[in-house]
Amino acid sequence: MKVRVDITLKPGVLDPQGEAVRHALGALGFDGVQGVRQGKVIELDLATEDADLAKTQAAQMAEKLLSNQVIENFTVTVI
């Protein structure tokens, strides 16, 4: 079963990479971009056909390793 974990910075956490992308977009002529937040996408291929189990396992992985719970949020989607 394939699962996607989307990891984003929590609101209020500074995102210097996102700010660099916003600035670069402006320099390339893409005016009007007021903000950019950068995150991570991790796709997992788990050895189960149970969607609920896959989602639970992926959430545990995100809590323990894939994300920094202090500054990041995550969502898990079965794909």
PDB file of N, CA and C in Angstrom:
ATOM      1  N   MET A   1       0.851  -1.173   0.000  1.00  0.00           N
ATOM      2  CA  MET A   1       0.000   0.000   0.000  1.00  0.00           C
ATOM      3  C   MET A   1       0.893   1.231   0.000  1.00  0.00           C
ATOM      4  N   LYS A   2       0.598   2.158  -0.863  1.00  0.00           N
ATOM      5  CA  LYS A   2       1.379   3.390  -0.946  1.00  0.00           C
ATOM      6  C   LYS A   2       0.734   4.462  -0.078  1.00  0.00           C
ATOM      7  N   VAL A   3       1.604   5.167   0.638  1.00  0.00           N
ATOM      8  CA  VAL A   3       1.173   6.217   1.557  1.00  0.00           C
ATOM      9  C   VAL A   3       2.051   7.442   1.322  1.00  0.00           C
ATOM     10  N   ARG A   4       1.428   8.619   1.358  1.00  0.00           N
ATOM     11  CA  ARG A   4       2.182   9.867   1.218  1.00  0.00           C
ATOM     12  C   ARG A   4       2.119  10.641   2.532  1.00  0.00           C
ATOM     13  N   VAL A   5       3.282  11.102   2.988  1.00  0.00           N
ATOM     14  CA  VAL A   5       3.372  11.935   4.185  1.00  0.00           C
ATOM     15  C   VAL A   5       3.798  13.327   3.737  1.00  0.00           C
ATOM     16  N   ASP A   6       2.927  14.307   3.954  1.00  0.00           N
ATOM     17  CA  ASP A   6       3.231  15.706   3.636  1.00  0.00           C
ATOM     18  C   ASP A   6       3.646  16.394   4.929  1.00  0.00           C
ATOM     19  N   ILE A   7       4.816  17.010   4.914  1.00  0.00           N
ATOM     20  CA  ILE A   7       5.361  17.658   6.101  1.00  0.00           C
ATOM     21  C   ILE A   7       5.547  19.138   5.803  1.00  0.00           C
ATOM     22  N   THR A   8       4.969  19.972   6.649  1.00  0.00           N
ATOM     23  CA  THR A   8       5.066  21.415   6.477  1.00  0.00           C
ATOM     24  C   THR A   8       5.458  22.067   7.794  1.00  0.00           C
ATOM     25  N   LEU A   9       6.051  23.244   7.697  1.00  0.00           N
ATOM     26  CA  LEU A   9       6.382  23.986   8.900  1.00  0.00           C
ATOM     27  C   LEU A   9       5.109  24.501   9.557  1.00  0.00           C
ATOM     28  N   LYS A  10       5.121  24.536  10.870  1.00  0.00           N
ATOM     29  CA  LYS A  10       3.977  25.074  11.602  1.00  0.00           C
ATOM     30  C   LYS A  10       3.873  26.576  11.334  1.00  0.00           C
ATOM     31  N   PRO A  11       2.651  27.118  11.407  1.00  0.00           N
ATOM     32  CA  PRO A  11       2.495  28.572  11.231  1.00  0.00           C
ATOM     33  C   PRO A  11       3.354  29.313  12.255  1.00  0.00           C
ATOM     34  N   GLY A  12       3.973  30.381  11.818  1.00  0.00           N
ATOM     35  CA  GLY A  12       4.804  31.182  12.704  1.00  0.00           C
ATOM     36  C   GLY A  12       6.269  30.777  12.720  1.00  0.00           C
ATOM     37  N   VAL A  13       6.591  29.610  12.192  1.00  0.00           N
ATOM     38  CA  VAL A  13       7.989  29.181  12.115  1.00  0.00           C
ATOM     39  C   VAL A  13       8.607  29.804  10.872  1.00  0.00           C
ATOM     40  N   LEU A  14       9.739  30.455  11.050  1.00  0.00           N
ATOM     41  CA  LEU A  14      10.411  31.095   9.915  1.00  0.00           C
ATOM     42  C   LEU A  14      10.829  30.053   8.889  1.00  0.00           C
ATOM     43  N   ASP A  15      10.699  30.420   7.615  1.00  0.00           N
ATOM     44  CA  ASP A  15      11.032  29.513   6.517  1.00  0.00           C
ATOM     45  C   ASP A  15      12.019  30.211   5.581  1.00  0.00           C
ATOM     46  N   PRO A  16      13.318  30.174   5.910  1.00  0.00           N
ATOM     47  CA  PRO A  16      14.284  30.876   5.056  1.00  0.00           C
ATOM     48  C   PRO A  16      14.362  30.316   3.640  1.00  0.00           C
ATOM     49  N   GLN A  17      14.168  29.018   3.460  1.00  0.00           N
ATOM     50  CA  GLN A  17      14.184  28.445   2.108  1.00  0.00           C
ATOM     51  C   GLN A  17      12.993  28.957   1.305  1.00  0.00           C
ATOM     52  N   GLY A  18      11.832  29.008   1.920  1.00  0.00           N
ATOM     53  CA  GLY A  18      10.652  29.535   1.240  1.00  0.00           C
ATOM     54  C   GLY A  18      10.838  30.991   0.859  1.00  0.00           C
ATOM     55  N   GLU A  19      11.460  31.754   1.747  1.00  0.00           N
ATOM     56  CA  GLU A  19      11.706  33.169   1.458  1.00  0.00           C
ATOM     57  C   GLU A  19      12.694  33.319   0.308  1.00  0.00           C
ATOM     58  N   ALA A  20      13.705  32.458   0.242  1.00  0.00           N
ATOM     59  CA  ALA A  20      14.665  32.501  -0.864  1.00  0.00           C
ATOM     60  C   ALA A  20      13.975  32.169  -2.187  1.00  0.00           C
ATOM     61  N   VAL A  21      13.067  31.211  -2.166  1.00  0.00           N
ATOM     62  CA  VAL A  21      12.317  30.859  -3.382  1.00  0.00           C
ATOM     63  C   VAL A  21      11.436  32.032  -3.811  1.00  0.00           C
ATOM     64  N   ARG A  22      10.750  32.673  -2.836  1.00  0.00           N
ATOM     65  CA  ARG A  22       9.903  33.826  -3.153  1.00  0.00           C
ATOM     66  C   ARG A  22      10.721  34.933  -3.805  1.00  0.00           C
ATOM     67  N   HIS A  23      11.882  35.190  -3.241  1.00  0.00           N
ATOM     68  CA  HIS A  23      12.746  36.234  -3.789  1.00  0.00           C
ATOM     69  C   HIS A  23      13.200  35.870  -5.203  1.00  0.00           C
ATOM     70  N   ALA A  24      13.603  34.622  -5.412  1.00  0.00           N
ATOM     71  CA  ALA A  24      14.061  34.177  -6.733  1.00  0.00           C
ATOM     72  C   ALA A  24      12.942  34.260  -7.770  1.00  0.00           C
ATOM     73  N   LEU A  25      11.726  33.914  -7.366  1.00  0.00           N
ATOM     74  CA  LEU A  25      10.594  34.017  -8.291  1.00  0.00           C
ATOM     75  C   LEU A  25      10.381  35.464  -8.720  1.00  0.00           C
ATOM     76  N   GLY A  26      10.499  36.392  -7.773  1.00  0.00           N
ATOM     77  CA  GLY A  26      10.380  37.810  -8.108  1.00  0.00           C
ATOM     78  C   GLY A  26      11.459  38.243  -9.081  1.00  0.00           C
ATOM     79  N   ALA A  27      12.677  37.756  -8.857  1.00  0.00           N
ATOM     80  CA  ALA A  27      13.789  38.106  -9.744  1.00  0.00           C
ATOM     81  C   ALA A  27      13.590  37.550 -11.149  1.00  0.00           C
ATOM     82  N   LEU A  28      12.827  36.452 -11.265  1.00  0.00           N
ATOM     83  CA  LEU A  28      12.544  35.858 -12.574  1.00  0.00           C
ATOM     84  C   LEU A  28      11.319  36.481 -13.249  1.00  0.00           C
ATOM     85  N   GLY A  29      10.744  37.485 -12.610  1.00  0.00           N
ATOM     86  CA  GLY A  29       9.622  38.183 -13.215  1.00  0.00           C
ATOM     87  C   GLY A  29       8.256  37.711 -12.767  1.00  0.00           C
ATOM     88  N   PHE A  30       8.200  36.818 -11.816  1.00  0.00           N
ATOM     89  CA  PHE A  30       6.910  36.349 -11.294  1.00  0.00           C
ATOM     90  C   PHE A  30       6.485  37.253 -10.147  1.00  0.00           C
ATOM     91  N   ASP A  31       5.926  38.401 -10.523  1.00  0.00           N
ATOM     92  CA  ASP A  31       5.501  39.378  -9.526  1.00  0.00           C
ATOM     93  C   ASP A  31       4.218  38.912  -8.846  1.00  0.00           C
ATOM     94  N   GLY A  32       4.001  39.384  -7.658  1.00  0.00           N
ATOM     95  CA  GLY A  32       2.756  39.083  -6.956  1.00  0.00           C
ATOM     96  C   GLY A  32       2.822  37.867  -6.050  1.00  0.00           C
ATOM     97  N   VAL A  33       3.950  37.184  -5.978  1.00  0.00           N
ATOM     98  CA  VAL A  33       4.078  36.055  -5.051  1.00  0.00           C
ATOM     99  C   VAL A  33       4.350  36.649  -3.675  1.00  0.00           C
ATOM    100  N   GLN A  34       3.379  36.568  -2.802  1.00  0.00           N
ATOM    101  CA  GLN A  34       3.500  37.215  -1.494  1.00  0.00           C
ATOM    102  C   GLN A  34       4.120  36.320  -0.437  1.00  0.00           C
ATOM    103  N   GLY A  35       4.090  35.015  -0.649  1.00  0.00           N
ATOM    104  CA  GLY A  35       4.686  34.131   0.338  1.00  0.00           C
ATOM    105  C   GLY A  35       4.891  32.744  -0.223  1.00  0.00           C
ATOM    106  N   VAL A  36       5.930  32.073   0.251  1.00  0.00           N
ATOM    107  CA  VAL A  36       6.223  30.694  -0.139  1.00  0.00           C
ATOM    108  C   VAL A  36       6.588  29.934   1.123  1.00  0.00           C
ATOM    109  N   ARG A  37       5.975  28.777   1.316  1.00  0.00           N
ATOM    110  CA  ARG A  37       6.330  27.876   2.410  1.00  0.00           C
ATOM    111  C   ARG A  37       6.804  26.582   1.767  1.00  0.00           C
ATOM    112  N   GLN A  38       7.959  26.127   2.167  1.00  0.00           N
ATOM    113  CA  GLN A  38       8.522  24.914   1.604  1.00  0.00           C
ATOM    114  C   GLN A  38       8.311  23.769   2.585  1.00  0.00           C
ATOM    115  N   GLY A  39       8.050  22.580   2.037  1.00  0.00           N
ATOM    116  CA  GLY A  39       7.868  21.409   2.875  1.00  0.00           C
ATOM    117  C   GLY A  39       8.510  20.191   2.246  1.00  0.00           C
ATOM    118  N   LYS A  40       8.120  19.029   2.751  1.00  0.00           N
ATOM    119  CA  LYS A  40       8.656  17.769   2.246  1.00  0.00           C
ATOM    120  C   LYS A  40       7.498  16.831   1.943  1.00  0.00           C
ATOM    121  N   VAL A  41       7.687  15.982   0.951  1.00  0.00           N
ATOM    122  CA  VAL A  41       6.747  14.907   0.636  1.00  0.00           C
ATOM    123  C   VAL A  41       7.533  13.608   0.655  1.00  0.00           C
ATOM    124  N   ILE A  42       7.050  12.656   1.425  1.00  0.00           N
ATOM    125  CA  ILE A  42       7.692  11.353   1.519  1.00  0.00           C
ATOM    126  C   ILE A  42       6.663  10.300   1.134  1.00  0.00           C
ATOM    127  N   GLU A  43       6.993   9.482   0.139  1.00  0.00           N
ATOM    128  CA  GLU A  43       6.105   8.397  -0.271  1.00  0.00           C
ATOM    129  C   GLU A  43       6.668   7.085   0.236  1.00  0.00           C
ATOM    130  N   LEU A  44       5.806   6.314   0.869  1.00  0.00           N
ATOM    131  CA  LEU A  44       6.191   5.029   1.441  1.00  0.00           C
ATOM    132  C   LEU A  44       5.403   3.920   0.764  1.00  0.00           C
ATOM    133  N   ASP A  45       6.049   2.810   0.503  1.00  0.00           N
ATOM    134  CA  ASP A  45       5.376   1.628  -0.028  1.00  0.00           C
ATOM    135  C   ASP A  45       5.417   0.588   1.091  1.00  0.00           C
ATOM    136  N   LEU A  46       4.282   0.391   1.750  1.00  0.00           N
ATOM    137  CA  LEU A  46       4.218  -0.478   2.920  1.00  0.00           C
ATOM    138  C   LEU A  46       3.666  -1.852   2.555  1.00  0.00           C
ATOM    139  N   ALA A  47       4.141  -2.862   3.250  1.00  0.00           N
ATOM    140  CA  ALA A  47       3.764  -4.254   2.974  1.00  0.00           C
ATOM    141  C   ALA A  47       2.472  -4.613   3.699  1.00  0.00           C
ATOM    142  N   THR A  48       1.410  -3.894   3.376  1.00  0.00           N
ATOM    143  CA  THR A  48       0.091  -4.205   3.913  1.00  0.00           C
ATOM    144  C   THR A  48      -0.961  -3.767   2.909  1.00  0.00           C
ATOM    145  N   GLU A  49      -2.093  -4.423   2.928  1.00  0.00           N
ATOM    146  CA  GLU A  49      -3.217  -4.014   2.082  1.00  0.00           C
ATOM    147  C   GLU A  49      -4.312  -3.359   2.908  1.00  0.00           C
ATOM    148  N   ASP A  50      -4.072  -3.208   4.199  1.00  0.00           N
ATOM    149  CA  ASP A  50      -5.029  -2.589   5.123  1.00  0.00           C
ATOM    150  C   ASP A  50      -4.751  -1.086   5.175  1.00  0.00           C
ATOM    151  N   ALA A  51      -5.647  -0.275   4.614  1.00  0.00           N
ATOM    152  CA  ALA A  51      -5.436   1.169   4.524  1.00  0.00           C
ATOM    153  C   ALA A  51      -5.320   1.815   5.895  1.00  0.00           C
ATOM    154  N   ASP A  52      -6.143   1.389   6.836  1.00  0.00           N
ATOM    155  CA  ASP A  52      -6.079   1.969   8.179  1.00  0.00           C
ATOM    156  C   ASP A  52      -4.748   1.664   8.851  1.00  0.00           C
ATOM    157  N   LEU A  53      -4.277   0.435   8.720  1.00  0.00           N
ATOM    158  CA  LEU A  53      -2.992   0.056   9.294  1.00  0.00           C
ATOM    159  C   LEU A  53      -1.858   0.835   8.640  1.00  0.00           C
ATOM    160  N   ALA A  54      -1.902   0.972   7.333  1.00  0.00           N
ATOM    161  CA  ALA A  54      -0.868   1.722   6.619  1.00  0.00           C
ATOM    162  C   ALA A  54      -0.825   3.173   7.098  1.00  0.00           C
ATOM    163  N   LYS A  55      -1.994   3.770   7.261  1.00  0.00           N
ATOM    164  CA  LYS A  55      -2.063   5.157   7.709  1.00  0.00           C
ATOM    165  C   LYS A  55      -1.528   5.293   9.128  1.00  0.00           C
ATOM    166  N   THR A  56      -1.880   4.354   9.989  1.00  0.00           N
ATOM    167  CA  THR A  56      -1.400   4.374  11.363  1.00  0.00           C
ATOM    168  C   THR A  56       0.117   4.208  11.427  1.00  0.00           C
ATOM    169  N   GLN A  57       0.643   3.258  10.655  1.00  0.00           N
ATOM    170  CA  GLN A  57       2.088   3.038  10.639  1.00  0.00           C
ATOM    171  C   GLN A  57       2.830   4.267  10.121  1.00  0.00           C
ATOM    172  N   ALA A  58       2.332   4.865   9.065  1.00  0.00           N
ATOM    173  CA  ALA A  58       2.981   6.049   8.495  1.00  0.00           C
ATOM    174  C   ALA A  58       2.954   7.212   9.484  1.00  0.00           C
ATOM    175  N   ALA A  59       1.852   7.367  10.201  1.00  0.00           N
ATOM    176  CA  ALA A  59       1.766   8.429  11.207  1.00  0.00           C
ATOM    177  C   ALA A  59       2.788   8.196  12.321  1.00  0.00           C
ATOM    178  N   GLN A  60       2.950   6.954  12.736  1.00  0.00           N
ATOM    179  CA  GLN A  60       3.951   6.641  13.759  1.00  0.00           C
ATOM    180  C   GLN A  60       5.360   6.938  13.256  1.00  0.00           C
ATOM    181  N   MET A  61       5.618   6.610  11.997  1.00  0.00           N
ATOM    182  CA  MET A  61       6.927   6.904  11.399  1.00  0.00           C
ATOM    183  C   MET A  61       7.178   8.406  11.365  1.00  0.00           C
ATOM    184  N   ALA A  62       6.144   9.160  10.996  1.00  0.00           N
ATOM    185  CA  ALA A  62       6.274  10.617  10.926  1.00  0.00           C
ATOM    186  C   ALA A  62       6.532  11.207  12.311  1.00  0.00           C
ATOM    187  N   GLU A  63       5.837  10.691  13.317  1.00  0.00           N
ATOM    188  CA  GLU A  63       6.025  11.191  14.681  1.00  0.00           C
ATOM    189  C   GLU A  63       7.414  10.883  15.223  1.00  0.00           C
ATOM    190  N   LYS A  64       7.934   9.693  14.913  1.00  0.00           N
ATOM    191  CA  LYS A  64       9.196   9.246  15.496  1.00  0.00           C
ATOM    192  C   LYS A  64      10.441   9.650  14.709  1.00  0.00           C
ATOM    193  N   LEU A  65      10.308   9.804  13.384  1.00  0.00           N
ATOM    194  CA  LEU A  65      11.503  10.043  12.574  1.00  0.00           C
ATOM    195  C   LEU A  65      11.340  11.078  11.467  1.00  0.00           C
ATOM    196  N   LEU A  66      10.271  10.997  10.722  1.00  0.00           N
ATOM    197  CA  LEU A  66      10.179  11.763   9.481  1.00  0.00           C
ATOM    198  C   LEU A  66       9.962  13.261   9.681  1.00  0.00           C
ATOM    199  N   SER A  67       9.359  13.649  10.795  1.00  0.00           N
ATOM    200  CA  SER A  67       9.095  15.070  11.025  1.00  0.00           C
ATOM    201  C   SER A  67       9.642  15.498  12.385  1.00  0.00           C
ATOM    202  N   ASN A  68       9.843  16.793  12.520  1.00  0.00           N
ATOM    203  CA  ASN A  68      10.242  17.389  13.787  1.00  0.00           C
ATOM    204  C   ASN A  68       8.975  17.959  14.414  1.00  0.00           C
ATOM    205  N   GLN A  69       8.440  17.270  15.409  1.00  0.00           N
ATOM    206  CA  GLN A  69       7.154  17.643  15.995  1.00  0.00           C
ATOM    207  C   GLN A  69       7.139  19.035  16.619  1.00  0.00           C
ATOM    208  N   VAL A  70       8.311  19.584  16.937  1.00  0.00           N
ATOM    209  CA  VAL A  70       8.372  20.903  17.543  1.00  0.00           C
ATOM    210  C   VAL A  70       8.025  21.980  16.526  1.00  0.00           C
ATOM    211  N   ILE A  71       8.498  21.820  15.288  1.00  0.00           N
ATOM    212  CA  ILE A  71       8.326  22.902  14.294  1.00  0.00           C
ATOM    213  C   ILE A  71       7.539  22.477  13.062  1.00  0.00           C
ATOM    214  N   GLU A  72       7.160  21.197  12.939  1.00  0.00           N
ATOM    215  CA  GLU A  72       6.499  20.732  11.718  1.00  0.00           C
ATOM    216  C   GLU A  72       5.177  20.017  12.021  1.00  0.00           C
ATOM    217  N   ASN A  73       4.263  20.136  11.080  1.00  0.00           N
ATOM    218  CA  ASN A  73       3.021  19.364  11.048  1.00  0.00           C
ATOM    219  C   ASN A  73       3.130  18.353   9.930  1.00  0.00           C
ATOM    220  N   PHE A  74       2.328  17.301  10.016  1.00  0.00           N
ATOM    221  CA  PHE A  74       2.302  16.340   8.925  1.00  0.00           C
ATOM    222  C   PHE A  74       0.881  15.825   8.705  1.00  0.00           C
ATOM    223  N   THR A  75       0.630  15.389   7.474  1.00  0.00           N
ATOM    224  CA  THR A  75      -0.613  14.709   7.133  1.00  0.00           C
ATOM    225  C   THR A  75      -0.245  13.433   6.392  1.00  0.00           C
ATOM    226  N   VAL A  76      -1.059  12.409   6.576  1.00  0.00           N
ATOM    227  CA  VAL A  76      -0.836  11.120   5.942  1.00  0.00           C
ATOM    228  C   VAL A  76      -2.001  10.837   5.008  1.00  0.00           C
ATOM    229  N   THR A  77      -1.701  10.449   3.779  1.00  0.00           N
ATOM    230  CA  THR A  77      -2.714  10.128   2.782  1.00  0.00           C
ATOM    231  C   THR A  77      -2.393   8.795   2.152  1.00  0.00           C
ATOM    232  N   VAL A  78      -3.387   7.904   2.099  1.00  0.00           N
ATOM    233  CA  VAL A  78      -3.226   6.633   1.395  1.00  0.00           C
ATOM    234  C   VAL A  78      -3.453   6.924  -0.080  1.00  0.00           C
ATOM    235  N   ILE A  79      -2.502   6.509  -0.931  1.00  0.00           N
ATOM    236  CA  ILE A  79      -2.625   6.815  -2.367  1.00  0.00           C
ATOM    237  C   ILE A  79      -2.717   5.542  -3.188  1.00  0.00           C
TER     238      ILE A  79
END
